[in-house]
C-alpha atoms as a PDB file:
ATOM      1  CA  LEU A   1     104.095  95.117 127.034  1.00  0.00           C
ATOM      2  CA  PHE A   2     106.840  92.665 126.084  1.00  0.00           C
ATOM      3  CA  LEU A   3     110.034  93.760 124.342  1.00  0.00           C
ATOM      4  CA  LEU A   4     112.616  91.324 123.014  1.00  0.00           C
ATOM      5  CA  LEU A   5     116.027  92.741 122.140  1.00  0.00           C
ATOM      6  CA  VAL A   6     118.442  90.095 120.942  1.00  0.00           C
ATOM      7  CA  GLY A   7     121.899  90.508 122.472  1.00  0.00           C
ATOM      8  CA  CYS A   8     120.801  93.334 124.741  1.00  0.00           C
ATOM      9  CA  SER A   9     120.071  93.409 128.420  1.00  0.00           C
ATOM     10  CA  GLY A  10     117.767  95.997 129.806  1.00  0.00           C
ATOM     11  CA  GLY A  11     117.136  97.605 126.397  1.00  0.00           C
ATOM     12  CA  GLY A  12     119.435  99.488 124.065  1.00  0.00           C
ATOM     13  CA  ALA A  13     118.529 102.962 125.274  1.00  0.00           C
ATOM     14  CA  THR A  14     120.078 102.409 128.688  1.00  0.00           C
ATOM     15  CA  GLY A  15     123.543 101.822 127.247  1.00  0.00           C
ATOM     16  CA  SER A  16     123.720  98.221 128.493  1.00  0.00           C
ATOM     17  CA  CYS A  17     123.742  96.695 125.016  1.00  0.00           C
ATOM     18  CA  THR A  18     126.323  93.936 124.706  1.00  0.00           C
ATOM     19  CA  LEU A  19     126.606  94.066 120.914  1.00  0.00           C
ATOM     20  CA  PRO A  20     129.011  96.540 119.283  1.00  0.00           C
ATOM     21  CA  ASP A  21     127.628  99.237 117.000  1.00  0.00           C
ATOM     22  CA  ARG A  22     128.222  98.653 113.308  1.00  0.00           C
ATOM     23  CA  ALA A  23     127.342 100.584 110.171  1.00  0.00           C
ATOM     24  CA  PRO A  24     125.013  99.179 107.512  1.00  0.00           C
ATOM     25  CA  GLN A  25     126.836  97.547 104.591  1.00  0.00           C
ATOM     26  CA  ILE A  26     126.225  97.217 100.871  1.00  0.00           C
ATOM     27  CA  LEU A  27     125.894  93.545  99.923  1.00  0.00           C
ATOM     28  CA  ASN A  28     125.289  94.035  96.192  1.00  0.00           C
ATOM     29  CA  GLN A  29     125.465  97.450  94.544  1.00  0.00           C
ATOM     30  CA  VAL A  30     123.427  97.672  91.347  1.00  0.00           C
ATOM     31  CA  GLN A  31     125.031  99.828  88.655  1.00  0.00           C
ATOM     32  CA  PRO A  32     122.707 102.515  87.305  1.00  0.00           C
ATOM     33  CA  ASP A  33     121.766 102.872  83.661  1.00  0.00           C
ATOM     34  CA  VAL A  34     123.098 106.124  82.232  1.00  0.00           C
ATOM     35  CA  PRO A  35     120.118 108.192  81.058  1.00  0.00           C
ATOM     36  CA  ALA A  36     120.091 108.854  77.302  1.00  0.00           C
ATOM     37  CA  MET A  37     119.888 112.617  77.889  1.00  0.00           C
ATOM     38  CA  ALA A  38     122.994 112.480  80.094  1.00  0.00           C
ATOM     39  CA  GLN A  39     124.845 110.573  77.363  1.00  0.00           C
ATOM     40  CA  GLN A  40     123.756 113.070  74.714  1.00  0.00           C
ATOM     41  CA  GLN A  41     124.803 116.043  76.826  1.00  0.00           C
ATOM     42  CA  GLY A  42     128.022 114.468  78.114  1.00  0.00           C
ATOM     43  CA  ILE A  43     126.905 114.699  81.748  1.00  0.00           C
ATOM     44  CA  THR A  44     129.129 112.669  84.075  1.00  0.00           C
ATOM     45  CA  GLY A  45     130.026 112.599  87.738  1.00  0.00           C
ATOM     46  CA  ASP A  46     129.219 110.968  91.042  1.00  0.00           C
ATOM     47  CA  VAL A  47     125.769 110.923  92.604  1.00  0.00           C
ATOM     48  CA  VAL A  48     125.633 110.178  96.335  1.00  0.00           C
ATOM     49  CA  VAL A  49     122.402 108.653  97.625  1.00  0.00           C
ATOM     50  CA  ARG A  50     121.619 108.543 101.362  1.00  0.00           C
ATOM     51  CA  VAL A  51     119.983 105.140 101.931  1.00  0.00           C
ATOM     52  CA  THR A  52     118.140 104.173 105.122  1.00  0.00           C
ATOM     53  CA  VAL A  53     117.475 100.499 105.796  1.00  0.00           C
ATOM     54  CA  ASP A  54     115.315  98.644 108.287  1.00  0.00           C
ATOM     55  CA  ALA A  55     116.264  95.678 110.473  1.00  0.00           C
ATOM     56  CA  SER A  56     116.080  93.267 107.515  1.00  0.00           C
ATOM     57  CA  GLY A  57     118.239  95.486 105.287  1.00  0.00           C
ATOM     58  CA  ALA A  58     115.280  96.596 103.150  1.00  0.00           C
ATOM     59  CA  VAL A  59     115.433 100.178 101.873  1.00  0.00           C
ATOM     60  CA  THR A  60     112.998 102.436 103.712  1.00  0.00           C
ATOM     61  CA  SER A  61     114.169 105.680 102.099  1.00  0.00           C
ATOM     62  CA  ALA A  62     116.602 106.899  99.472  1.00  0.00           C
ATOM     63  CA  THR A  63     117.373 110.579  98.902  1.00  0.00           C
ATOM     64  CA  ILE A  64     119.948 112.473  96.883  1.00  0.00           C
ATOM     65  CA  ALA A  65     122.800 113.762  99.079  1.00  0.00           C
ATOM     66  CA  SER A  66     124.808 115.268  96.200  1.00  0.00           C
ATOM     67  CA  SER A  67     124.655 115.240  92.419  1.00  0.00           C
ATOM     68  CA  PRO A  68     126.274 117.026  89.483  1.00  0.00           C
ATOM     69  CA  SER A  69     122.965 117.029  87.564  1.00  0.00           C
ATOM     70  CA  ALA A  70     119.306 116.304  88.243  1.00  0.00           C
ATOM     71  CA  ILE A  71     119.303 114.271  85.013  1.00  0.00           C
ATOM     72  CA  LEU A  72     121.247 111.528  86.824  1.00  0.00           C
ATOM     73  CA  ASN A  73     119.175 111.470  90.010  1.00  0.00           C
ATOM     74  CA  GLN A  74     116.362 109.082  89.087  1.00  0.00           C
ATOM     75  CA  ALA A  75     118.793 106.476  87.737  1.00  0.00           C
ATOM     76  CA  ALA A  76     120.866 106.687  90.927  1.00  0.00           C
ATOM     77  CA  LEU A  77     117.788 106.421  93.170  1.00  0.00           C
ATOM     78  CA  SER A  78     116.523 103.387  91.227  1.00  0.00           C
ATOM     79  CA  ALA A  79     119.911 101.675  91.498  1.00  0.00           C
ATOM     80  CA  ALA A  80     120.091 102.445  95.233  1.00  0.00           C
ATOM     81  CA  ARG A  81     116.648 100.914  95.818  1.00  0.00           C
ATOM     82  CA  ALA A  82     117.549  97.827  93.729  1.00  0.00           C
ATOM     83  CA  SER A  83     120.822  97.261  95.609  1.00  0.00           C
ATOM     84  CA  THR A  84     120.904  94.981  98.652  1.00  0.00           C
ATOM     85  CA  TYR A  85     122.125  95.872 102.128  1.00  0.00           C
ATOM     86  CA  GLN A  86     122.891  94.409 105.532  1.00  0.00           C
ATOM     87  CA  ALA A  87     121.395  96.336 108.431  1.00  0.00           C
ATOM     88  CA  GLY A  88     123.725  98.027 110.858  1.00  0.00           C
ATOM     89  CA  LEU A  89     123.323  98.249 114.608  1.00  0.00           C
ATOM     90  CA  GLN A  90     123.241 101.411 116.711  1.00  0.00           C
ATOM     91  CA  ASN A  91     122.621 101.053 120.461  1.00  0.00           C
ATOM     92  CA  CYS A  92     121.166  97.575 119.820  1.00  0.00           C
ATOM     93  CA  VAL A  93     118.699  98.964 117.285  1.00  0.00           C
ATOM     94  CA  PRO A  94     119.082  97.356 113.837  1.00  0.00           C
ATOM     95  CA  GLY A  95     118.846  99.407 110.640  1.00  0.00           C
ATOM     96  CA  GLY A  96     120.685 102.613 109.884  1.00  0.00           C
ATOM     97  CA  SER A  97     121.735 104.905 107.068  1.00  0.00           C
ATOM     98  CA  LEU A  98     124.662 105.022 104.696  1.00  0.00           C
ATOM     99  CA  ASP A  99     125.812 107.050 101.710  1.00  0.00           C
ATOM    100  CA  VAL A 100     126.098 105.115  98.458  1.00  0.00           C
ATOM    101  CA  ARG A 101     128.125 106.599  95.582  1.00  0.00           C
ATOM    102  CA  PHE A 102     127.150 105.935  91.971  1.00  0.00           C
ATOM    103  CA  GLN A 103     129.629 106.918  89.275  1.00  0.00           C
ATOM    104  CA  PHE A 104     128.344 108.029  85.897  1.00  0.00           C
ATOM    105  CA  ILE A 105     131.043 108.076  83.231  1.00  0.00           C
ATOM    106  CA  ALA A 106     130.878 108.917  79.551  1.00  0.00           C
ATOM    107  CA  PRO A 107     130.880 105.867  77.299  1.00  0.00           C
ATOM    108  CA  ALA A 108     133.919 105.427  75.090  1.00  0.00           C
ATOM    109  CA  VAL A 109     133.193 106.823  71.658  1.00  0.00           C
ATOM    110  CA  GLY A 110     135.022 105.792  68.519  1.00  0.00           C
ATOM    111  CA  VAL A 111     137.254 103.263  70.217  1.00  0.00           C
ATOM    112  CA  ARG A 112     139.048 101.085  67.675  1.00  0.00           C
ATOM    113  CA  PHE A 113     140.995  97.917  68.262  1.00  0.00           C
END
C-alpha cells in the first residue's frame, strides 16, 4: 500500500501535517433563478445550502441548511451545484464543507424612470 500526501509527513491523521488548515472557498457563485411561483406569491428570503466538495473542488453533495420556503429550495440547490469552489484542507485532507447563502428578493414592480 502506497499513500502520497502532498505537504504532509507521516500522514495527516498523526497531526504532523505541515500545511495549515483552510476552509473551502467559493470561486464563482451562480445566482439562482427566482421560481415563478415564488414571484407570484411574493416569497423572498435567504436559503442556505451546505455544500461539500472533493479535493478538486467538485460538489459531492448539496443540502438545504435553512430556507424560508420549500419553493425556493430547488433553485438554490441548482445554483449551488453550478457554482465553482476551491477545496479546503483539514488535517492535510483536501475537500470540506461550507454554507453558501442565496438571497431571493422580490423583483421591482412598477418602477418608473
